[in-house]
Amino acid sequence: MGWTHAPFPQLKYPLDVHEQENAVKEQKCLKNVEKLINSNKIIGIIVEPIQSATNHQCSPSFYSKLREIANENEITFIGTLSS
């Protein structure tokens, strides 16, 4: 289908031990999302951190910033957040 795809941060665990390094990875992914939005016609962002038996966690601030980016660009945001 040719869908535009942005990488999801691959964080190190335990999250509290690698907080600084993980924050850098999250920021890099958010910048990538902004770059994709600016260079493509994007109408929505879909986030699926829970995929089958795998749970990809990110900080609450990552999801908040992703939603903020969507709102600023009038883009639909669809996501299931991990607990």
PDB file of N, CA and C in Angstrom:
ATOM      1  N   MET A   1       0.802  -1.197   0.000  1.00  0.00           N
ATOM      2  CA  MET A   1       0.000   0.000   0.000  1.00  0.00           C
ATOM      3  C   MET A   1       0.847   1.265   0.000  1.00  0.00           C
ATOM      4  N   GLY A   2       2.110   1.152   0.326  1.00  0.00           N
ATOM      5  CA  GLY A   2       2.968   2.319   0.339  1.00  0.00           C
ATOM      6  C   GLY A   2       2.738   3.247   1.518  1.00  0.00           C
ATOM      7  N   TRP A   3       2.344   2.693   2.645  1.00  0.00           N
ATOM      8  CA  TRP A   3       2.096   3.506   3.841  1.00  0.00           C
ATOM      9  C   TRP A   3       3.399   4.088   4.360  1.00  0.00           C
ATOM     10  N   THR A   4       3.340   5.331   4.793  1.00  0.00           N
ATOM     11  CA  THR A   4       4.489   5.955   5.426  1.00  0.00           C
ATOM     12  C   THR A   4       4.627   5.362   6.828  1.00  0.00           C
ATOM     13  N   HIS A   5       5.842   5.039   7.200  1.00  0.00           N
ATOM     14  CA  HIS A   5       6.094   4.361   8.466  1.00  0.00           C
ATOM     15  C   HIS A   5       7.201   5.082   9.232  1.00  0.00           C
ATOM     16  N   ALA A   6       6.946   5.352  10.496  1.00  0.00           N
ATOM     17  CA  ALA A   6       7.967   5.933  11.372  1.00  0.00           C
ATOM     18  C   ALA A   6       8.382   4.873  12.382  1.00  0.00           C
ATOM     19  N   PRO A   7       9.671   4.750  12.653  1.00  0.00           N
ATOM     20  CA  PRO A   7      10.111   3.743  13.619  1.00  0.00           C
ATOM     21  C   PRO A   7       9.623   4.061  15.030  1.00  0.00           C
ATOM     22  N   PHE A   8       9.324   3.014  15.778  1.00  0.00           N
ATOM     23  CA  PHE A   8       8.926   3.146  17.181  1.00  0.00           C
ATOM     24  C   PHE A   8      10.188   3.007  18.016  1.00  0.00           C
ATOM     25  N   PRO A   9      10.349   3.809  19.066  1.00  0.00           N
ATOM     26  CA  PRO A   9      11.575   3.740  19.877  1.00  0.00           C
ATOM     27  C   PRO A   9      11.810   2.336  20.440  1.00  0.00           C
ATOM     28  N   GLN A  10      12.997   1.828  20.257  1.00  0.00           N
ATOM     29  CA  GLN A  10      13.393   0.536  20.822  1.00  0.00           C
ATOM     30  C   GLN A  10      14.146   0.813  22.120  1.00  0.00           C
ATOM     31  N   LEU A  11      13.421   0.814  23.214  1.00  0.00           N
ATOM     32  CA  LEU A  11      13.980   1.209  24.498  1.00  0.00           C
ATOM     33  C   LEU A  11      14.711   0.069  25.187  1.00  0.00           C
ATOM     34  N   LYS A  12      15.616   0.458  26.078  1.00  0.00           N
ATOM     35  CA  LYS A  12      16.350  -0.511  26.890  1.00  0.00           C
ATOM     36  C   LYS A  12      15.652  -0.672  28.231  1.00  0.00           C
ATOM     37  N   TYR A  13      15.683  -1.894  28.738  1.00  0.00           N
ATOM     38  CA  TYR A  13      15.065  -2.214  30.020  1.00  0.00           C
ATOM     39  C   TYR A  13      16.136  -2.598  31.026  1.00  0.00           C
ATOM     40  N   PRO A  14      15.887  -2.352  32.284  1.00  0.00           N
ATOM     41  CA  PRO A  14      14.723  -1.720  32.889  1.00  0.00           C
ATOM     42  C   PRO A  14      14.667  -0.226  32.559  1.00  0.00           C
ATOM     43  N   LEU A  15      13.457   0.253  32.349  1.00  0.00           N
ATOM     44  CA  LEU A  15      13.252   1.628  31.887  1.00  0.00           C
ATOM     45  C   LEU A  15      13.845   2.665  32.824  1.00  0.00           C
ATOM     46  N   ASP A  16      13.709   2.461  34.133  1.00  0.00           N
ATOM     47  CA  ASP A  16      14.210   3.470  35.075  1.00  0.00           C
ATOM     48  C   ASP A  16      15.734   3.562  35.077  1.00  0.00           C
ATOM     49  N   VAL A  17      16.420   2.493  34.753  1.00  0.00           N
ATOM     50  CA  VAL A  17      17.887   2.494  34.711  1.00  0.00           C
ATOM     51  C   VAL A  17      18.393   3.205  33.456  1.00  0.00           C
ATOM     52  N   HIS A  18      17.653   3.101  32.368  1.00  0.00           N
ATOM     53  CA  HIS A  18      18.074   3.659  31.071  1.00  0.00           C
ATOM     54  C   HIS A  18      17.251   4.878  30.671  1.00  0.00           C
ATOM     55  N   GLU A  19      16.762   5.612  31.645  1.00  0.00           N
ATOM     56  CA  GLU A  19      15.844   6.730  31.384  1.00  0.00           C
ATOM     57  C   GLU A  19      16.430   7.774  30.438  1.00  0.00           C
ATOM     58  N   GLN A  20      17.656   8.205  30.665  1.00  0.00           N
ATOM     59  CA  GLN A  20      18.281   9.249  29.826  1.00  0.00           C
ATOM     60  C   GLN A  20      18.470   8.767  28.381  1.00  0.00           C
ATOM     61  N   GLU A  21      19.029   7.584  28.239  1.00  0.00           N
ATOM     62  CA  GLU A  21      19.275   7.019  26.903  1.00  0.00           C
ATOM     63  C   GLU A  21      17.959   6.805  26.149  1.00  0.00           C
ATOM     64  N   ASN A  22      16.949   6.334  26.851  1.00  0.00           N
ATOM     65  CA  ASN A  22      15.645   6.104  26.231  1.00  0.00           C
ATOM     66  C   ASN A  22      14.983   7.412  25.814  1.00  0.00           C
ATOM     67  N   ALA A  23      15.169   8.457  26.604  1.00  0.00           N
ATOM     68  CA  ALA A  23      14.597   9.767  26.257  1.00  0.00           C
ATOM     69  C   ALA A  23      15.188  10.273  24.937  1.00  0.00           C
ATOM     70  N   VAL A  24      16.463  10.044  24.731  1.00  0.00           N
ATOM     71  CA  VAL A  24      17.117  10.442  23.478  1.00  0.00           C
ATOM     72  C   VAL A  24      16.508   9.672  22.301  1.00  0.00           C
ATOM     73  N   LYS A  25      16.275   8.371  22.488  1.00  0.00           N
ATOM     74  CA  LYS A  25      15.670   7.558  21.428  1.00  0.00           C
ATOM     75  C   LYS A  25      14.254   8.031  21.111  1.00  0.00           C
ATOM     76  N   GLU A  26      13.490   8.367  22.149  1.00  0.00           N
ATOM     77  CA  GLU A  26      12.133   8.856  21.929  1.00  0.00           C
ATOM     78  C   GLU A  26      12.142  10.179  21.169  1.00  0.00           C
ATOM     79  N   GLN A  27      13.025  11.073  21.537  1.00  0.00           N
ATOM     80  CA  GLN A  27      13.117  12.365  20.846  1.00  0.00           C
ATOM     81  C   GLN A  27      13.485  12.186  19.374  1.00  0.00           C
ATOM     82  N   LYS A  28      14.379  11.259  19.106  1.00  0.00           N
ATOM     83  CA  LYS A  28      14.787  10.989  17.720  1.00  0.00           C
ATOM     84  C   LYS A  28      13.584  10.505  16.907  1.00  0.00           C
ATOM     85  N   CYS A  29      12.782   9.629  17.484  1.00  0.00           N
ATOM     86  CA  CYS A  29      11.591   9.126  16.784  1.00  0.00           C
ATOM     87  C   CYS A  29      10.555  10.229  16.577  1.00  0.00           C
ATOM     88  N   LEU A  30      10.388  11.096  17.569  1.00  0.00           N
ATOM     89  CA  LEU A  30       9.439  12.206  17.424  1.00  0.00           C
ATOM     90  C   LEU A  30       9.879  13.159  16.319  1.00  0.00           C
ATOM     91  N   LYS A  31      11.170  13.427  16.235  1.00  0.00           N
ATOM     92  CA  LYS A  31      11.697  14.287  15.154  1.00  0.00           C
ATOM     93  C   LYS A  31      11.449  13.636  13.793  1.00  0.00           C
ATOM     94  N   ASN A  32      11.593  12.310  13.745  1.00  0.00           N
ATOM     95  CA  ASN A  32      11.337  11.581  12.508  1.00  0.00           C
ATOM     96  C   ASN A  32       9.878  11.729  12.101  1.00  0.00           C
ATOM     97  N   VAL A  33       8.957  11.641  13.053  1.00  0.00           N
ATOM     98  CA  VAL A  33       7.527  11.803  12.772  1.00  0.00           C
ATOM     99  C   VAL A  33       7.270  13.197  12.206  1.00  0.00           C
ATOM    100  N   GLU A  34       7.847  14.218  12.832  1.00  0.00           N
ATOM    101  CA  GLU A  34       7.656  15.591  12.350  1.00  0.00           C
ATOM    102  C   GLU A  34       8.199  15.752  10.926  1.00  0.00           C
ATOM    103  N   LYS A  35       9.339  15.145  10.659  1.00  0.00           N
ATOM    104  CA  LYS A  35       9.935  15.216   9.321  1.00  0.00           C
ATOM    105  C   LYS A  35       9.027  14.540   8.292  1.00  0.00           C
ATOM    106  N   LEU A  36       8.479  13.383   8.641  1.00  0.00           N
ATOM    107  CA  LEU A  36       7.574  12.678   7.730  1.00  0.00           C
ATOM    108  C   LEU A  36       6.312  13.493   7.462  1.00  0.00           C
ATOM    109  N   ILE A  37       5.785  14.136   8.492  1.00  0.00           N
ATOM    110  CA  ILE A  37       4.586  14.958   8.325  1.00  0.00           C
ATOM    111  C   ILE A  37       4.865  16.127   7.394  1.00  0.00           C
ATOM    112  N   ASN A  38       6.030  16.738   7.543  1.00  0.00           N
ATOM    113  CA  ASN A  38       6.383  17.899   6.723  1.00  0.00           C
ATOM    114  C   ASN A  38       6.679  17.543   5.268  1.00  0.00           C
ATOM    115  N   SER A  39       7.021  16.279   4.985  1.00  0.00           N
ATOM    116  CA  SER A  39       7.393  15.918   3.622  1.00  0.00           C
ATOM    117  C   SER A  39       6.376  14.996   2.930  1.00  0.00           C
ATOM    118  N   ASN A  40       5.264  14.691   3.594  1.00  0.00           N
ATOM    119  CA  ASN A  40       4.246  13.801   3.038  1.00  0.00           C
ATOM    120  C   ASN A  40       2.855  14.314   3.385  1.00  0.00           C
ATOM    121  N   LYS A  41       1.871  13.800   2.678  1.00  0.00           N
ATOM    122  CA  LYS A  41       0.492  14.114   3.018  1.00  0.00           C
ATOM    123  C   LYS A  41       0.022  13.055   4.025  1.00  0.00           C
ATOM    124  N   ILE A  42       0.104  13.381   5.289  1.00  0.00           N
ATOM    125  CA  ILE A  42      -0.248  12.464   6.366  1.00  0.00           C
ATOM    126  C   ILE A  42      -1.617  12.862   6.908  1.00  0.00           C
ATOM    127  N   ILE A  43      -2.528  11.901   7.007  1.00  0.00           N
ATOM    128  CA  ILE A  43      -3.865  12.198   7.520  1.00  0.00           C
ATOM    129  C   ILE A  43      -4.120  11.542   8.872  1.00  0.00           C
ATOM    130  N   GLY A  44      -3.216  10.665   9.305  1.00  0.00           N
ATOM    131  CA  GLY A  44      -3.433  10.009  10.583  1.00  0.00           C
ATOM    132  C   GLY A  44      -2.169   9.367  11.112  1.00  0.00           C
ATOM    133  N   ILE A  45      -2.150   9.209  12.424  1.00  0.00           N
ATOM    134  CA  ILE A  45      -1.070   8.508  13.113  1.00  0.00           C
ATOM    135  C   ILE A  45      -1.711   7.353  13.871  1.00  0.00           C
ATOM    136  N   ILE A  46      -1.222   6.148  13.613  1.00  0.00           N
ATOM    137  CA  ILE A  46      -1.696   4.970  14.330  1.00  0.00           C
ATOM    138  C   ILE A  46      -0.535   4.417  15.140  1.00  0.00           C
ATOM    139  N   VAL A  47      -0.763   4.243  16.446  1.00  0.00           N
ATOM    140  CA  VAL A  47       0.259   3.702  17.332  1.00  0.00           C
ATOM    141  C   VAL A  47      -0.268   2.403  17.921  1.00  0.00           C
ATOM    142  N   GLU A  48       0.506   1.343  17.760  1.00  0.00           N
ATOM    143  CA  GLU A  48       0.117   0.047  18.312  1.00  0.00           C
ATOM    144  C   GLU A  48       1.293  -0.539  19.094  1.00  0.00           C
ATOM    145  N   PRO A  49       1.473  -0.108  20.344  1.00  0.00           N
ATOM    146  CA  PRO A  49       2.613  -0.590  21.121  1.00  0.00           C
ATOM    147  C   PRO A  49       2.461  -2.038  21.600  1.00  0.00           C
ATOM    148  N   ILE A  50       1.235  -2.567  21.613  1.00  0.00           N
ATOM    149  CA  ILE A  50       1.020  -3.950  22.025  1.00  0.00           C
ATOM    150  C   ILE A  50       0.774  -4.765  20.768  1.00  0.00           C
ATOM    151  N   GLN A  51       1.760  -5.584  20.406  1.00  0.00           N
ATOM    152  CA  GLN A  51       1.699  -6.360  19.171  1.00  0.00           C
ATOM    153  C   GLN A  51       1.878  -7.838  19.514  1.00  0.00           C
ATOM    154  N   SER A  52       0.789  -8.578  19.463  1.00  0.00           N
ATOM    155  CA  SER A  52       0.795  -9.997  19.789  1.00  0.00           C
ATOM    156  C   SER A  52       1.340 -10.183  21.206  1.00  0.00           C
ATOM    157  N   ALA A  53       2.444 -10.907  21.357  1.00  0.00           N
ATOM    158  CA  ALA A  53       2.994 -11.167  22.694  1.00  0.00           C
ATOM    159  C   ALA A  53       4.024 -10.122  23.105  1.00  0.00           C
ATOM    160  N   THR A  54       4.266  -9.134  22.257  1.00  0.00           N
ATOM    161  CA  THR A  54       5.288  -8.129  22.522  1.00  0.00           C
ATOM    162  C   THR A  54       4.642  -6.820  22.958  1.00  0.00           C
ATOM    163  N   ASN A  55       5.212  -6.215  23.996  1.00  0.00           N
ATOM    164  CA  ASN A  55       4.716  -4.943  24.503  1.00  0.00           C
ATOM    165  C   ASN A  55       5.847  -3.926  24.410  1.00  0.00           C
ATOM    166  N   HIS A  56       5.723  -2.968  23.501  1.00  0.00           N
ATOM    167  CA  HIS A  56       6.740  -1.930  23.324  1.00  0.00           C
ATOM    168  C   HIS A  56       6.326  -0.722  24.165  1.00  0.00           C
ATOM    169  N   GLN A  57       7.028  -0.497  25.251  1.00  0.00           N
ATOM    170  CA  GLN A  57       6.673   0.611  26.126  1.00  0.00           C
ATOM    171  C   GLN A  57       7.455   1.863  25.777  1.00  0.00           C
ATOM    172  N   CYS A  58       6.822   2.998  26.031  1.00  0.00           N
ATOM    173  CA  CYS A  58       7.469   4.306  25.942  1.00  0.00           C
ATOM    174  C   CYS A  58       6.962   5.132  27.099  1.00  0.00           C
ATOM    175  N   SER A  59       7.605   6.247  27.320  1.00  0.00           N
ATOM    176  CA  SER A  59       7.199   7.110  28.422  1.00  0.00           C
ATOM    177  C   SER A  59       5.859   7.779  28.106  1.00  0.00           C
ATOM    178  N   PRO A  60       5.103   8.139  29.140  1.00  0.00           N
ATOM    179  CA  PRO A  60       3.864   8.882  28.904  1.00  0.00           C
ATOM    180  C   PRO A  60       4.112  10.179  28.135  1.00  0.00           C
ATOM    181  N   SER A  61       5.266  10.808  28.358  1.00  0.00           N
ATOM    182  CA  SER A  61       5.557  12.052  27.647  1.00  0.00           C
ATOM    183  C   SER A  61       5.734  11.816  26.147  1.00  0.00           C
ATOM    184  N   PHE A  62       6.217  10.631  25.747  1.00  0.00           N
ATOM    185  CA  PHE A  62       6.344  10.308  24.324  1.00  0.00           C
ATOM    186  C   PHE A  62       4.968  10.316  23.662  1.00  0.00           C
ATOM    187  N   TYR A  63       4.010   9.615  24.300  1.00  0.00           N
ATOM    188  CA  TYR A  63       2.659   9.558  23.742  1.00  0.00           C
ATOM    189  C   TYR A  63       1.995  10.938  23.747  1.00  0.00           C
ATOM    190  N   SER A  64       2.228  11.697  24.798  1.00  0.00           N
ATOM    191  CA  SER A  64       1.659  13.050  24.873  1.00  0.00           C
ATOM    192  C   SER A  64       2.204  13.929  23.759  1.00  0.00           C
ATOM    193  N   LYS A  65       3.506  13.849  23.533  1.00  0.00           N
ATOM    194  CA  LYS A  65       4.128  14.653  22.481  1.00  0.00           C
ATOM    195  C   LYS A  65       3.649  14.201  21.106  1.00  0.00           C
ATOM    196  N   LEU A  66       3.480  12.898  20.923  1.00  0.00           N
ATOM    197  CA  LEU A  66       2.982  12.389  19.648  1.00  0.00           C
ATOM    198  C   LEU A  66       1.568  12.906  19.385  1.00  0.00           C
ATOM    199  N   ARG A  67       0.730  12.900  20.413  1.00  0.00           N
ATOM    200  CA  ARG A  67      -0.630  13.440  20.279  1.00  0.00           C
ATOM    201  C   ARG A  67      -0.575  14.944  20.006  1.00  0.00           C
ATOM    202  N   GLU A  68       0.339  15.637  20.661  1.00  0.00           N
ATOM    203  CA  GLU A  68       0.505  17.079  20.453  1.00  0.00           C
ATOM    204  C   GLU A  68       0.888  17.374  18.999  1.00  0.00           C
ATOM    205  N   ILE A  69       1.813  16.580  18.459  1.00  0.00           N
ATOM    206  CA  ILE A  69       2.230  16.745  17.060  1.00  0.00           C
ATOM    207  C   ILE A  69       1.027  16.538  16.132  1.00  0.00           C
ATOM    208  N   ALA A  70       0.230  15.511  16.427  1.00  0.00           N
ATOM    209  CA  ALA A  70      -0.962  15.242  15.618  1.00  0.00           C
ATOM    210  C   ALA A  70      -1.941  16.411  15.692  1.00  0.00           C
ATOM    211  N   ASN A  71      -2.194  16.899  16.880  1.00  0.00           N
ATOM    212  CA  ASN A  71      -3.126  18.020  17.054  1.00  0.00           C
ATOM    213  C   ASN A  71      -2.645  19.268  16.332  1.00  0.00           C
ATOM    214  N   GLU A  72      -1.356  19.576  16.463  1.00  0.00           N
ATOM    215  CA  GLU A  72      -0.797  20.771  15.821  1.00  0.00           C
ATOM    216  C   GLU A  72      -0.935  20.712  14.297  1.00  0.00           C
ATOM    217  N   ASN A  73      -0.910  19.496  13.751  1.00  0.00           N
ATOM    218  CA  ASN A  73      -0.963  19.324  12.300  1.00  0.00           C
ATOM    219  C   ASN A  73      -2.341  18.880  11.818  1.00  0.00           C
ATOM    220  N   GLU A  74      -3.322  18.920  12.725  1.00  0.00           N
ATOM    221  CA  GLU A  74      -4.702  18.527  12.414  1.00  0.00           C
ATOM    222  C   GLU A  74      -4.753  17.134  11.789  1.00  0.00           C
ATOM    223  N   ILE A  75      -4.076  16.207  12.457  1.00  0.00           N
ATOM    224  CA  ILE A  75      -3.982  14.820  12.018  1.00  0.00           C
ATOM    225  C   ILE A  75      -4.686  13.942  13.044  1.00  0.00           C
ATOM    226  N   THR A  76      -5.441  12.969  12.578  1.00  0.00           N
ATOM    227  CA  THR A  76      -6.104  12.018  13.467  1.00  0.00           C
ATOM    228  C   THR A  76      -5.058  11.177  14.189  1.00  0.00           C
ATOM    229  N   PHE A  77      -5.256  10.972  15.486  1.00  0.00           N
ATOM    230  CA  PHE A  77      -4.363  10.159  16.301  1.00  0.00           C
ATOM    231  C   PHE A  77      -5.140   8.970  16.828  1.00  0.00           C
ATOM    232  N   ILE A  78      -4.691   7.767  16.505  1.00  0.00           N
ATOM    233  CA  ILE A  78      -5.313   6.542  16.988  1.00  0.00           C
ATOM    234  C   ILE A  78      -4.226   5.740  17.683  1.00  0.00           C
ATOM    235  N   GLY A  79      -4.458   5.414  18.949  1.00  0.00           N
ATOM    236  CA  GLY A  79      -3.443   4.653  19.668  1.00  0.00           C
ATOM    237  C   GLY A  79      -4.010   3.855  20.813  1.00  0.00           C
ATOM    238  N   THR A  80      -3.392   2.722  21.039  1.00  0.00           N
ATOM    239  CA  THR A  80      -3.694   1.937  22.230  1.00  0.00           C
ATOM    240  C   THR A  80      -2.470   2.070  23.123  1.00  0.00           C
ATOM    241  N   LEU A  81      -2.663   2.563  24.316  1.00  0.00           N
ATOM    242  CA  LEU A  81      -1.554   2.801  25.217  1.00  0.00           C
ATOM    243  C   LEU A  81      -1.334   1.619  26.134  1.00  0.00           C
ATOM    244  N   SER A  82      -0.060   1.273  26.304  1.00  0.00           N
ATOM    245  CA  SER A  82       0.253   0.185  27.225  1.00  0.00           C
ATOM    246  C   SER A  82       0.199   0.687  28.648  1.00  0.00           C
ATOM    247  N   SER A  83      -0.088  -0.188  29.565  1.00  0.00           N
ATOM    248  CA  SER A  83      -0.182   0.222  30.971  1.00  0.00           C
ATOM    249  C   SER A  83       1.082  -0.091  31.727  1.00  0.00           C
TER     250      SER A  83
END
